[in-house]
Each structure stands twice: as C-alpha cells, then as structure tokens.
Amino acid sequence: MTVESEKIDICEALWNGEKAIGCFIYGNTWNWAIDEKYNFCLNGELEFQAYLSKGRITYEQYLDACKRFRDGFLKLDESNFKSYRQRRENIFYNKDFLRGVYECNVGEKKRKEFTIKIENEKELRNVMSFSEILFSRLPSFYINFDKKQYYHTDMDRIHEESVWCGWKGMYKNFLDLIPATEKYWMFK
C-alpha cells in the first residue's frame, strides 16, 4: 500500500465515522493517533460490564472482550501509555502525515476557507454545513495525561464516563487547547 492510498483509506474511514483522530499528551509530548472511536476510551471494562449486565454478552464473552480489547490495554492511563504507544505504533502518525490526510483530495481554496471558519467558531456543530469532509479530518479526542483532561467532540457516545477519578472529562470543542505548532490543519 502506498502512502497516498493509505491516506485515502484513512479519509474514507474518518468520513464514515469508523475512525477518528485523537491526540494524547504525555510527558509534554504530542502523540497523534488515528483509530476506531471506541479505542479512545480510558476504561474499556466499563462498556463490557454494561453489555454483560444487559445480557448482550455472556460472562465468557465479557472475559474474552476484556482480554483482547485494544491489544491488551483494557485500561489506559499514564502508567501504561508508553507501553501502549510502543505496542500500537501503527496507529500513531506525525503531524506531516496528518496534514496530508487533511489535504487529501480537497482543493486549497476550500481548505483555507474552512480553516478560517473553524478558528472563528466556538461551537463546532455550526461548522458542519460548511464542510463536513474537512470536519471529519479534525481531531475528535484530546487526552492529556499531564493535566488529567479528556475532551471529545464525538456526539455518538458519552466518552467522558470512562475518565479516571480526578480527571476532567466532557464533550467540548478543545481546538483552542492545541498550540499552533501542532495544528496540522492550519496554513501559513
């Protein structure tokens, strides 16, 4: 698979809602990931417990799901993030690659107009009609292990329910928390 075909596949998965972009801040380092949305939760066990209590899965299925989830990282926190990052290195990308995903098959004029629009909007839902394609290529998850913050813009789930005690978690536009040096969607 070529880099360009990989970017096209990623764009399709982002557009379909199968995957999302998220950033993990650990040790003051930005780690950008593209993965299935459910893998951005911190405590996967909570979801499997809910399925078990509702009778949607058996106890054996629960144990198996907990064991296999996210390559063995059922619970993700600052104590195991480095190991998680190493084991799942295929989901992490540098900012230049993400810029290529953002630009993939979209004209420069439309990209620049959209970039100006999102930087001026406080509520991201107002931007949806402007360009849904580019919106799907923005980060949906902000997980800051250093500051114990978890923010997301995924309306389909209540991800904040998986945050650890002492963390701040909510549905929120977090783009203003990302420094200009990390904003792969910005153009000079």
N, C-alpha and C. Protein backbone atom coordinates (compact mmCIF):
# COMPACT_ATOMS: atom_id res chain seq x y z
N MET A 1 0.85 -1.18 0.00
CA MET A 1 0.00 0.00 0.00
C MET A 1 0.89 1.24 0.00
N THR A 2 0.60 2.17 -0.86
CA THR A 2 1.35 3.41 -0.91
C THR A 2 0.86 4.36 0.18
N VAL A 3 1.68 5.37 0.46
CA VAL A 3 1.30 6.37 1.46
C VAL A 3 0.03 7.09 1.03
N GLU A 4 -0.07 7.42 -0.27
CA GLU A 4 -1.25 8.13 -0.75
C GLU A 4 -2.51 7.27 -0.65
N SER A 5 -2.40 5.98 -0.97
CA SER A 5 -3.58 5.11 -0.86
C SER A 5 -3.95 4.90 0.61
N GLU A 6 -2.95 4.89 1.50
CA GLU A 6 -3.23 4.79 2.93
C GLU A 6 -4.01 6.03 3.40
N LYS A 7 -3.59 7.20 2.93
CA LYS A 7 -4.29 8.44 3.30
C LYS A 7 -5.73 8.42 2.78
N ILE A 8 -5.93 7.94 1.58
CA ILE A 8 -7.29 7.86 1.02
C ILE A 8 -8.15 6.92 1.84
N ASP A 9 -7.59 5.76 2.22
CA ASP A 9 -8.33 4.81 3.06
C ASP A 9 -8.68 5.42 4.42
N ILE A 10 -7.73 6.15 5.00
CA ILE A 10 -7.98 6.80 6.29
C ILE A 10 -9.08 7.86 6.15
N CYS A 11 -9.01 8.65 5.08
CA CYS A 11 -10.04 9.68 4.86
C CYS A 11 -11.43 9.06 4.76
N GLU A 12 -11.51 7.94 4.08
CA GLU A 12 -12.80 7.25 3.96
C GLU A 12 -13.29 6.76 5.32
N ALA A 13 -12.38 6.19 6.11
CA ALA A 13 -12.75 5.69 7.45
C ALA A 13 -13.14 6.84 8.37
N LEU A 14 -12.48 7.99 8.24
CA LEU A 14 -12.85 9.16 9.04
C LEU A 14 -14.22 9.68 8.62
N TRP A 15 -14.44 9.76 7.33
CA TRP A 15 -15.72 10.25 6.80
C TRP A 15 -16.87 9.34 7.22
N ASN A 16 -16.65 8.04 7.19
CA ASN A 16 -17.70 7.08 7.55
C ASN A 16 -17.91 7.00 9.06
N GLY A 17 -17.06 7.63 9.82
CA GLY A 17 -17.18 7.58 11.28
C GLY A 17 -16.62 6.33 11.90
N GLU A 18 -15.93 5.51 11.11
CA GLU A 18 -15.33 4.29 11.64
C GLU A 18 -14.12 4.61 12.51
N LYS A 19 -13.39 5.63 12.11
CA LYS A 19 -12.18 6.02 12.83
C LYS A 19 -12.24 7.49 13.18
N ALA A 20 -11.34 7.88 14.05
CA ALA A 20 -11.24 9.28 14.47
C ALA A 20 -9.78 9.61 14.72
N ILE A 21 -9.50 10.89 14.75
CA ILE A 21 -8.16 11.37 15.08
C ILE A 21 -8.20 11.86 16.52
N GLY A 22 -7.17 11.53 17.25
CA GLY A 22 -7.07 11.99 18.63
C GLY A 22 -5.63 12.29 18.99
N CYS A 23 -5.47 13.13 19.99
CA CYS A 23 -4.13 13.43 20.47
C CYS A 23 -4.02 12.99 21.93
N PHE A 24 -2.88 12.43 22.22
CA PHE A 24 -2.53 12.05 23.58
C PHE A 24 -1.33 12.91 23.97
N ILE A 25 -1.44 13.62 25.07
CA ILE A 25 -0.31 14.39 25.56
C ILE A 25 0.24 13.66 26.77
N TYR A 26 1.50 13.28 26.66
CA TYR A 26 2.15 12.53 27.73
C TYR A 26 3.58 13.03 27.85
N GLY A 27 3.98 13.47 29.03
CA GLY A 27 5.33 13.99 29.21
C GLY A 27 5.58 15.20 28.33
N ASN A 28 4.56 16.03 28.17
CA ASN A 28 4.62 17.24 27.35
C ASN A 28 4.91 16.95 25.88
N THR A 29 4.65 15.72 25.44
CA THR A 29 4.85 15.32 24.05
C THR A 29 3.50 15.02 23.43
N TRP A 30 3.30 15.50 22.20
CA TRP A 30 2.05 15.28 21.48
C TRP A 30 2.16 14.01 20.67
N ASN A 31 1.20 13.11 20.85
CA ASN A 31 1.14 11.84 20.15
C ASN A 31 -0.19 11.79 19.41
N TRP A 32 -0.15 11.85 18.08
CA TRP A 32 -1.36 11.85 17.26
C TRP A 32 -1.69 10.44 16.82
N ALA A 33 -2.96 10.06 16.97
CA ALA A 33 -3.39 8.71 16.62
C ALA A 33 -4.64 8.76 15.74
N ILE A 34 -4.74 7.76 14.88
CA ILE A 34 -5.96 7.53 14.10
C ILE A 34 -6.38 6.11 14.43
N ASP A 35 -7.56 5.97 15.01
CA ASP A 35 -8.01 4.66 15.47
C ASP A 35 -9.54 4.63 15.50
N GLU A 36 -10.08 3.45 15.79
CA GLU A 36 -11.52 3.34 15.98
C GLU A 36 -11.91 4.19 17.19
N LYS A 37 -13.08 4.81 17.11
CA LYS A 37 -13.51 5.73 18.17
C LYS A 37 -13.52 5.07 19.55
N TYR A 38 -13.98 3.85 19.62
CA TYR A 38 -14.10 3.20 20.93
C TYR A 38 -12.75 2.97 21.59
N ASN A 39 -11.67 2.98 20.82
CA ASN A 39 -10.34 2.79 21.39
C ASN A 39 -9.80 4.04 22.09
N PHE A 40 -10.51 5.15 21.99
CA PHE A 40 -10.08 6.36 22.67
C PHE A 40 -10.63 6.45 24.09
N CYS A 41 -11.38 5.45 24.53
CA CYS A 41 -11.87 5.47 25.91
C CYS A 41 -10.71 5.11 26.84
N LEU A 42 -10.79 5.52 28.08
CA LEU A 42 -9.73 5.20 29.03
C LEU A 42 -9.97 3.88 29.74
N ASN A 43 -11.23 3.54 29.98
CA ASN A 43 -11.56 2.31 30.72
C ASN A 43 -12.55 1.49 29.91
N GLY A 44 -12.04 0.60 29.09
CA GLY A 44 -12.88 -0.24 28.25
C GLY A 44 -13.74 -1.22 29.04
N GLU A 45 -13.32 -1.54 30.22
CA GLU A 45 -14.07 -2.50 31.03
C GLU A 45 -15.48 -2.02 31.34
N LEU A 46 -15.67 -0.73 31.50
CA LEU A 46 -16.99 -0.18 31.82
C LEU A 46 -18.02 -0.54 30.75
N GLU A 47 -17.63 -0.43 29.49
CA GLU A 47 -18.56 -0.75 28.42
C GLU A 47 -18.90 -2.23 28.40
N PHE A 48 -17.90 -3.08 28.58
CA PHE A 48 -18.16 -4.52 28.58
C PHE A 48 -19.01 -4.93 29.78
N GLN A 49 -18.83 -4.26 30.91
CA GLN A 49 -19.68 -4.54 32.08
C GLN A 49 -21.13 -4.17 31.78
N ALA A 50 -21.34 -3.08 31.07
CA ALA A 50 -22.70 -2.67 30.72
C ALA A 50 -23.34 -3.70 29.79
N TYR A 51 -22.60 -4.18 28.80
CA TYR A 51 -23.12 -5.22 27.90
C TYR A 51 -23.47 -6.49 28.68
N LEU A 52 -22.60 -6.85 29.61
CA LEU A 52 -22.84 -8.05 30.42
C LEU A 52 -24.09 -7.88 31.28
N SER A 53 -24.23 -6.75 31.95
CA SER A 53 -25.38 -6.53 32.84
C SER A 53 -26.70 -6.47 32.07
N LYS A 54 -26.65 -6.06 30.80
CA LYS A 54 -27.86 -6.00 29.98
C LYS A 54 -28.13 -7.33 29.26
N GLY A 55 -27.25 -8.30 29.47
CA GLY A 55 -27.44 -9.61 28.85
C GLY A 55 -27.08 -9.67 27.37
N ARG A 56 -26.38 -8.68 26.89
CA ARG A 56 -25.99 -8.66 25.46
C ARG A 56 -24.81 -9.59 25.18
N ILE A 57 -24.01 -9.88 26.21
CA ILE A 57 -22.92 -10.83 26.07
C ILE A 57 -22.91 -11.76 27.28
N THR A 58 -22.31 -12.92 27.10
CA THR A 58 -22.18 -13.87 28.20
C THR A 58 -20.95 -13.50 29.02
N TYR A 59 -20.81 -14.16 30.16
CA TYR A 59 -19.64 -13.90 31.01
C TYR A 59 -18.35 -14.30 30.29
N GLU A 60 -18.41 -15.39 29.55
CA GLU A 60 -17.23 -15.83 28.79
C GLU A 60 -16.86 -14.80 27.72
N GLN A 61 -17.87 -14.25 27.05
CA GLN A 61 -17.62 -13.21 26.05
C GLN A 61 -17.05 -11.95 26.71
N TYR A 62 -17.56 -11.64 27.89
CA TYR A 62 -17.05 -10.50 28.65
C TYR A 62 -15.55 -10.67 28.95
N LEU A 63 -15.18 -11.84 29.47
CA LEU A 63 -13.78 -12.10 29.79
C LEU A 63 -12.90 -12.03 28.55
N ASP A 64 -13.39 -12.60 27.45
CA ASP A 64 -12.64 -12.58 26.20
C ASP A 64 -12.48 -11.15 25.67
N ALA A 65 -13.55 -10.38 25.72
CA ALA A 65 -13.50 -8.99 25.24
C ALA A 65 -12.53 -8.17 26.08
N CYS A 66 -12.57 -8.34 27.37
CA CYS A 66 -11.65 -7.61 28.24
C CYS A 66 -10.20 -7.97 27.96
N LYS A 67 -9.96 -9.21 27.65
CA LYS A 67 -8.61 -9.69 27.37
C LYS A 67 -8.08 -9.15 26.04
N ARG A 68 -8.92 -9.11 25.03
CA ARG A 68 -8.49 -8.74 23.67
C ARG A 68 -8.58 -7.24 23.36
N PHE A 69 -9.34 -6.51 24.13
CA PHE A 69 -9.59 -5.11 23.81
C PHE A 69 -8.30 -4.32 23.68
N ARG A 70 -8.18 -3.56 22.62
CA ARG A 70 -7.08 -2.64 22.38
C ARG A 70 -5.73 -3.31 22.60
N ASP A 71 -5.58 -4.50 22.05
CA ASP A 71 -4.31 -5.25 22.15
C ASP A 71 -3.87 -5.47 23.59
N GLY A 72 -4.82 -5.68 24.48
CA GLY A 72 -4.49 -5.98 25.87
C GLY A 72 -4.45 -4.78 26.80
N PHE A 73 -4.79 -3.62 26.31
CA PHE A 73 -4.80 -2.41 27.14
C PHE A 73 -6.24 -2.04 27.46
N LEU A 74 -6.85 -2.83 28.32
CA LEU A 74 -8.24 -2.61 28.71
C LEU A 74 -8.40 -1.25 29.37
N LYS A 75 -7.47 -0.91 30.23
CA LYS A 75 -7.48 0.38 30.92
C LYS A 75 -6.22 1.13 30.52
N LEU A 76 -6.42 2.37 30.10
CA LEU A 76 -5.31 3.19 29.63
C LEU A 76 -5.11 4.37 30.57
N ASP A 77 -3.91 4.50 31.09
CA ASP A 77 -3.58 5.62 31.97
C ASP A 77 -2.11 5.97 31.82
N GLU A 78 -1.65 6.92 32.63
CA GLU A 78 -0.27 7.38 32.49
C GLU A 78 0.75 6.31 32.83
N SER A 79 0.37 5.29 33.59
CA SER A 79 1.33 4.25 33.96
C SER A 79 1.61 3.27 32.81
N ASN A 80 0.70 3.17 31.85
CA ASN A 80 0.92 2.22 30.76
C ASN A 80 0.90 2.84 29.36
N PHE A 81 0.82 4.17 29.29
CA PHE A 81 0.73 4.79 27.97
C PHE A 81 1.97 4.53 27.12
N LYS A 82 3.16 4.59 27.69
CA LYS A 82 4.37 4.36 26.90
C LYS A 82 4.36 2.95 26.28
N SER A 83 3.94 1.97 27.04
CA SER A 83 3.85 0.60 26.51
C SER A 83 2.79 0.50 25.43
N TYR A 84 1.68 1.16 25.67
CA TYR A 84 0.59 1.20 24.68
C TYR A 84 1.09 1.83 23.40
N ARG A 85 1.80 2.93 23.50
CA ARG A 85 2.33 3.65 22.33
C ARG A 85 3.29 2.75 21.54
N GLN A 86 4.10 2.00 22.23
CA GLN A 86 5.05 1.10 21.55
C GLN A 86 4.34 -0.07 20.88
N ARG A 87 3.42 -0.69 21.59
CA ARG A 87 2.74 -1.86 21.05
C ARG A 87 1.81 -1.52 19.90
N ARG A 88 1.21 -0.34 19.95
CA ARG A 88 0.24 0.04 18.92
C ARG A 88 0.79 1.15 18.03
N GLU A 89 2.07 1.08 17.73
CA GLU A 89 2.72 2.15 16.97
C GLU A 89 2.10 2.38 15.60
N ASN A 90 1.39 1.39 15.06
CA ASN A 90 0.77 1.53 13.73
C ASN A 90 -0.41 2.49 13.70
N ILE A 91 -0.89 2.96 14.85
CA ILE A 91 -1.99 3.93 14.85
C ILE A 91 -1.50 5.36 15.06
N PHE A 92 -0.21 5.52 15.37
CA PHE A 92 0.34 6.84 15.65
C PHE A 92 1.01 7.41 14.40
N TYR A 93 0.78 8.71 14.18
CA TYR A 93 1.27 9.38 12.98
C TYR A 93 1.88 10.72 13.35
N ASN A 94 2.79 11.18 12.51
CA ASN A 94 3.36 12.50 12.74
C ASN A 94 2.45 13.57 12.13
N LYS A 95 2.73 14.79 12.49
CA LYS A 95 1.90 15.92 12.06
C LYS A 95 1.90 16.08 10.54
N ASP A 96 3.02 15.81 9.89
CA ASP A 96 3.08 15.94 8.43
C ASP A 96 2.15 14.95 7.73
N PHE A 97 2.09 13.73 8.25
CA PHE A 97 1.18 12.75 7.69
C PHE A 97 -0.27 13.20 7.86
N LEU A 98 -0.58 13.71 9.05
CA LEU A 98 -1.95 14.20 9.30
C LEU A 98 -2.30 15.37 8.40
N ARG A 99 -1.34 16.23 8.13
CA ARG A 99 -1.59 17.33 7.20
C ARG A 99 -1.94 16.77 5.83
N GLY A 100 -1.24 15.72 5.41
CA GLY A 100 -1.54 15.07 4.14
C GLY A 100 -2.94 14.47 4.12
N VAL A 101 -3.36 13.91 5.24
CA VAL A 101 -4.72 13.37 5.35
C VAL A 101 -5.73 14.52 5.24
N TYR A 102 -5.45 15.60 5.93
CA TYR A 102 -6.35 16.76 5.91
C TYR A 102 -6.50 17.32 4.50
N GLU A 103 -5.40 17.37 3.77
CA GLU A 103 -5.39 17.95 2.42
C GLU A 103 -5.88 16.99 1.35
N CYS A 104 -5.95 15.73 1.64
CA CYS A 104 -6.22 14.69 0.65
C CYS A 104 -7.50 14.96 -0.17
N ASN A 105 -7.32 15.12 -1.46
CA ASN A 105 -8.43 15.28 -2.42
C ASN A 105 -9.34 16.46 -2.14
N VAL A 106 -8.82 17.52 -1.56
CA VAL A 106 -9.61 18.72 -1.29
C VAL A 106 -8.85 19.92 -1.84
N GLY A 107 -9.53 20.81 -2.51
CA GLY A 107 -8.89 21.98 -3.08
C GLY A 107 -8.35 22.94 -2.03
N GLU A 108 -7.28 23.64 -2.37
CA GLU A 108 -6.61 24.55 -1.43
C GLU A 108 -7.53 25.68 -0.97
N LYS A 109 -8.30 26.26 -1.87
CA LYS A 109 -9.18 27.38 -1.50
C LYS A 109 -10.20 26.94 -0.46
N LYS A 110 -10.83 25.78 -0.67
CA LYS A 110 -11.83 25.27 0.26
C LYS A 110 -11.19 24.98 1.63
N ARG A 111 -9.98 24.41 1.62
CA ARG A 111 -9.27 24.12 2.88
C ARG A 111 -9.03 25.40 3.67
N LYS A 112 -8.53 26.42 3.00
CA LYS A 112 -8.21 27.67 3.70
C LYS A 112 -9.47 28.34 4.24
N GLU A 113 -10.56 28.35 3.47
CA GLU A 113 -11.82 28.93 3.94
C GLU A 113 -12.31 28.20 5.19
N PHE A 114 -12.24 26.88 5.15
CA PHE A 114 -12.69 26.07 6.29
C PHE A 114 -11.83 26.32 7.51
N THR A 115 -10.52 26.40 7.32
CA THR A 115 -9.60 26.63 8.43
C THR A 115 -9.91 27.95 9.13
N ILE A 116 -10.15 28.99 8.37
CA ILE A 116 -10.51 30.29 8.96
C ILE A 116 -11.83 30.17 9.72
N LYS A 117 -12.79 29.46 9.14
CA LYS A 117 -14.11 29.31 9.76
C LYS A 117 -14.01 28.59 11.10
N ILE A 118 -13.28 27.46 11.18
CA ILE A 118 -13.22 26.71 12.44
C ILE A 118 -12.46 27.46 13.52
N GLU A 119 -11.50 28.24 13.14
CA GLU A 119 -10.76 29.00 14.14
C GLU A 119 -11.62 30.12 14.73
N ASN A 120 -12.65 30.55 14.02
CA ASN A 120 -13.51 31.63 14.50
C ASN A 120 -14.79 31.13 15.17
N GLU A 121 -15.10 29.86 15.07
CA GLU A 121 -16.32 29.30 15.65
C GLU A 121 -16.06 28.76 17.04
N LYS A 122 -16.92 29.05 17.97
CA LYS A 122 -16.82 28.50 19.32
C LYS A 122 -17.52 27.14 19.41
N GLU A 123 -18.56 26.97 18.66
CA GLU A 123 -19.34 25.73 18.68
C GLU A 123 -19.13 25.01 17.36
N LEU A 124 -18.45 23.86 17.41
CA LEU A 124 -18.09 23.15 16.18
C LEU A 124 -19.29 22.67 15.37
N ARG A 125 -20.42 22.43 16.02
CA ARG A 125 -21.58 21.95 15.26
C ARG A 125 -22.04 22.97 14.22
N ASN A 126 -21.78 24.25 14.44
CA ASN A 126 -22.16 25.28 13.48
C ASN A 126 -21.34 25.19 12.19
N VAL A 127 -20.22 24.53 12.25
CA VAL A 127 -19.32 24.44 11.11
C VAL A 127 -19.73 23.29 10.17
N MET A 128 -20.50 22.35 10.65
CA MET A 128 -20.80 21.14 9.90
C MET A 128 -21.30 21.43 8.49
N SER A 129 -22.17 22.38 8.32
CA SER A 129 -22.70 22.64 7.00
C SER A 129 -21.63 23.25 6.07
N PHE A 130 -20.61 23.84 6.63
CA PHE A 130 -19.58 24.49 5.81
C PHE A 130 -18.76 23.46 5.05
N SER A 131 -18.27 22.47 5.70
CA SER A 131 -17.52 21.43 5.00
C SER A 131 -17.39 20.19 5.88
N GLU A 132 -18.32 19.29 5.72
CA GLU A 132 -18.33 18.08 6.54
C GLU A 132 -17.12 17.19 6.29
N ILE A 133 -16.62 17.22 5.07
CA ILE A 133 -15.45 16.39 4.76
C ILE A 133 -14.26 16.81 5.59
N LEU A 134 -13.95 18.10 5.59
CA LEU A 134 -12.79 18.56 6.36
C LEU A 134 -13.04 18.46 7.85
N PHE A 135 -14.26 18.65 8.27
CA PHE A 135 -14.59 18.50 9.69
C PHE A 135 -14.26 17.09 10.18
N SER A 136 -14.51 16.09 9.35
CA SER A 136 -14.24 14.70 9.74
C SER A 136 -12.75 14.44 9.90
N ARG A 137 -11.91 15.33 9.40
CA ARG A 137 -10.46 15.16 9.46
C ARG A 137 -9.81 15.96 10.58
N LEU A 138 -10.61 16.61 11.40
CA LEU A 138 -10.11 17.30 12.57
C LEU A 138 -10.04 16.32 13.74
N PRO A 139 -9.24 16.63 14.75
CA PRO A 139 -9.20 15.72 15.90
C PRO A 139 -10.52 15.70 16.65
N SER A 140 -10.91 14.52 17.09
CA SER A 140 -12.15 14.34 17.86
C SER A 140 -11.88 14.06 19.33
N PHE A 141 -10.62 13.75 19.65
CA PHE A 141 -10.28 13.37 21.02
C PHE A 141 -9.02 14.10 21.48
N TYR A 142 -9.07 14.58 22.70
CA TYR A 142 -7.95 15.26 23.35
C TYR A 142 -7.78 14.59 24.70
N ILE A 143 -6.69 13.84 24.85
CA ILE A 143 -6.43 13.12 26.09
C ILE A 143 -5.09 13.60 26.62
N ASN A 144 -5.13 14.35 27.71
CA ASN A 144 -3.93 14.95 28.26
C ASN A 144 -3.62 14.28 29.59
N PHE A 145 -2.65 13.36 29.56
CA PHE A 145 -2.26 12.66 30.78
C PHE A 145 -1.57 13.60 31.76
N ASP A 146 -0.88 14.62 31.25
CA ASP A 146 -0.16 15.55 32.12
C ASP A 146 -1.12 16.40 32.96
N LYS A 147 -2.21 16.84 32.35
CA LYS A 147 -3.17 17.71 33.05
C LYS A 147 -4.45 16.99 33.47
N LYS A 148 -4.53 15.69 33.17
CA LYS A 148 -5.71 14.88 33.50
C LYS A 148 -6.99 15.47 32.90
N GLN A 149 -6.93 15.67 31.58
CA GLN A 149 -8.07 16.22 30.84
C GLN A 149 -8.45 15.26 29.70
N TYR A 150 -9.74 15.09 29.52
CA TYR A 150 -10.26 14.25 28.44
C TYR A 150 -11.43 14.99 27.80
N TYR A 151 -11.24 15.44 26.56
CA TYR A 151 -12.29 16.14 25.84
C TYR A 151 -12.53 15.44 24.52
N HIS A 152 -13.75 15.51 24.05
CA HIS A 152 -14.09 14.88 22.77
C HIS A 152 -15.20 15.66 22.09
N THR A 153 -15.34 15.41 20.78
CA THR A 153 -16.42 16.03 20.00
C THR A 153 -17.24 14.95 19.30
N ASP A 154 -17.23 13.75 19.83
CA ASP A 154 -17.98 12.63 19.27
C ASP A 154 -19.36 12.60 19.92
N MET A 155 -20.38 12.99 19.16
CA MET A 155 -21.73 13.08 19.72
C MET A 155 -22.39 11.70 19.89
N ASP A 156 -21.79 10.66 19.32
CA ASP A 156 -22.41 9.34 19.36
C ASP A 156 -22.27 8.62 20.70
N ARG A 157 -21.29 9.01 21.51
CA ARG A 157 -21.05 8.30 22.76
C ARG A 157 -20.75 9.28 23.88
N ILE A 158 -20.86 8.79 25.08
CA ILE A 158 -20.56 9.61 26.26
C ILE A 158 -19.20 9.13 26.79
N HIS A 159 -18.15 9.47 26.07
CA HIS A 159 -16.79 9.01 26.39
C HIS A 159 -16.31 9.48 27.76
N GLU A 160 -16.82 10.62 28.19
CA GLU A 160 -16.35 11.17 29.47
C GLU A 160 -16.67 10.26 30.65
N GLU A 161 -17.57 9.32 30.46
CA GLU A 161 -17.88 8.38 31.54
C GLU A 161 -16.74 7.41 31.82
N SER A 162 -15.75 7.35 30.91
CA SER A 162 -14.64 6.42 31.11
C SER A 162 -13.42 7.09 31.73
N VAL A 163 -13.52 8.36 32.13
CA VAL A 163 -12.34 9.04 32.69
C VAL A 163 -12.09 8.60 34.13
N TRP A 164 -10.87 8.75 34.53
CA TRP A 164 -10.46 8.35 35.87
C TRP A 164 -10.85 9.41 36.90
N CYS A 165 -10.96 8.98 38.12
CA CYS A 165 -11.25 9.89 39.24
C CYS A 165 -10.16 10.97 39.27
N GLY A 166 -10.58 12.21 39.43
CA GLY A 166 -9.64 13.32 39.45
C GLY A 166 -9.38 13.93 38.08
N TRP A 167 -9.95 13.32 37.04
CA TRP A 167 -9.81 13.85 35.68
C TRP A 167 -10.99 14.76 35.37
N LYS A 168 -10.78 15.65 34.42
CA LYS A 168 -11.85 16.48 33.89
C LYS A 168 -12.18 15.91 32.52
N GLY A 169 -13.43 15.52 32.31
CA GLY A 169 -13.83 14.95 31.03
C GLY A 169 -15.17 15.47 30.59
N MET A 170 -15.27 15.82 29.29
CA MET A 170 -16.55 16.32 28.78
C MET A 170 -16.52 16.41 27.26
N TYR A 171 -17.74 16.54 26.72
CA TYR A 171 -17.91 16.87 25.31
C TYR A 171 -17.61 18.35 25.19
N LYS A 172 -16.61 18.70 24.38
CA LYS A 172 -16.19 20.10 24.32
C LYS A 172 -15.32 20.34 23.11
N ASN A 173 -15.43 21.52 22.52
CA ASN A 173 -14.51 21.95 21.48
C ASN A 173 -13.19 22.27 22.17
N PHE A 174 -12.16 21.51 21.86
CA PHE A 174 -10.86 21.66 22.51
C PHE A 174 -9.78 22.21 21.57
N LEU A 175 -10.14 22.60 20.36
CA LEU A 175 -9.14 23.03 19.39
C LEU A 175 -8.30 24.20 19.88
N ASP A 176 -8.88 25.03 20.74
CA ASP A 176 -8.11 26.16 21.27
C ASP A 176 -7.03 25.71 22.26
N LEU A 177 -7.08 24.48 22.73
CA LEU A 177 -6.05 23.95 23.64
C LEU A 177 -4.83 23.44 22.88
N ILE A 178 -4.96 23.31 21.59
CA ILE A 178 -3.87 22.77 20.78
C ILE A 178 -3.01 23.93 20.29
N PRO A 179 -1.71 23.90 20.58
CA PRO A 179 -0.85 25.00 20.15
C PRO A 179 -0.74 25.05 18.62
N ALA A 180 -0.48 26.22 18.10
CA ALA A 180 -0.37 26.41 16.64
C ALA A 180 0.65 25.46 16.03
N THR A 181 1.69 25.13 16.75
CA THR A 181 2.72 24.23 16.22
C THR A 181 2.21 22.82 15.99
N GLU A 182 1.11 22.45 16.61
CA GLU A 182 0.54 21.11 16.46
C GLU A 182 -0.69 21.07 15.55
N LYS A 183 -1.19 22.21 15.15
CA LYS A 183 -2.41 22.26 14.33
C LYS A 183 -2.09 21.94 12.87
N TYR A 184 -2.19 20.67 12.53
CA TYR A 184 -1.87 20.21 11.18
C TYR A 184 -2.82 20.77 10.13
N TRP A 185 -3.96 21.29 10.55
CA TRP A 185 -4.95 21.83 9.61
C TRP A 185 -4.73 23.32 9.32
N MET A 186 -3.80 23.95 10.00
CA MET A 186 -3.54 25.38 9.82
C MET A 186 -2.54 25.61 8.70
N PHE A 187 -2.73 26.70 7.97
CA PHE A 187 -1.85 27.05 6.86
C PHE A 187 -1.30 28.44 7.09
N LYS A 188 -0.08 28.61 6.79
CA LYS A 188 0.59 29.91 6.98
C LYS A 188 0.36 30.80 5.82
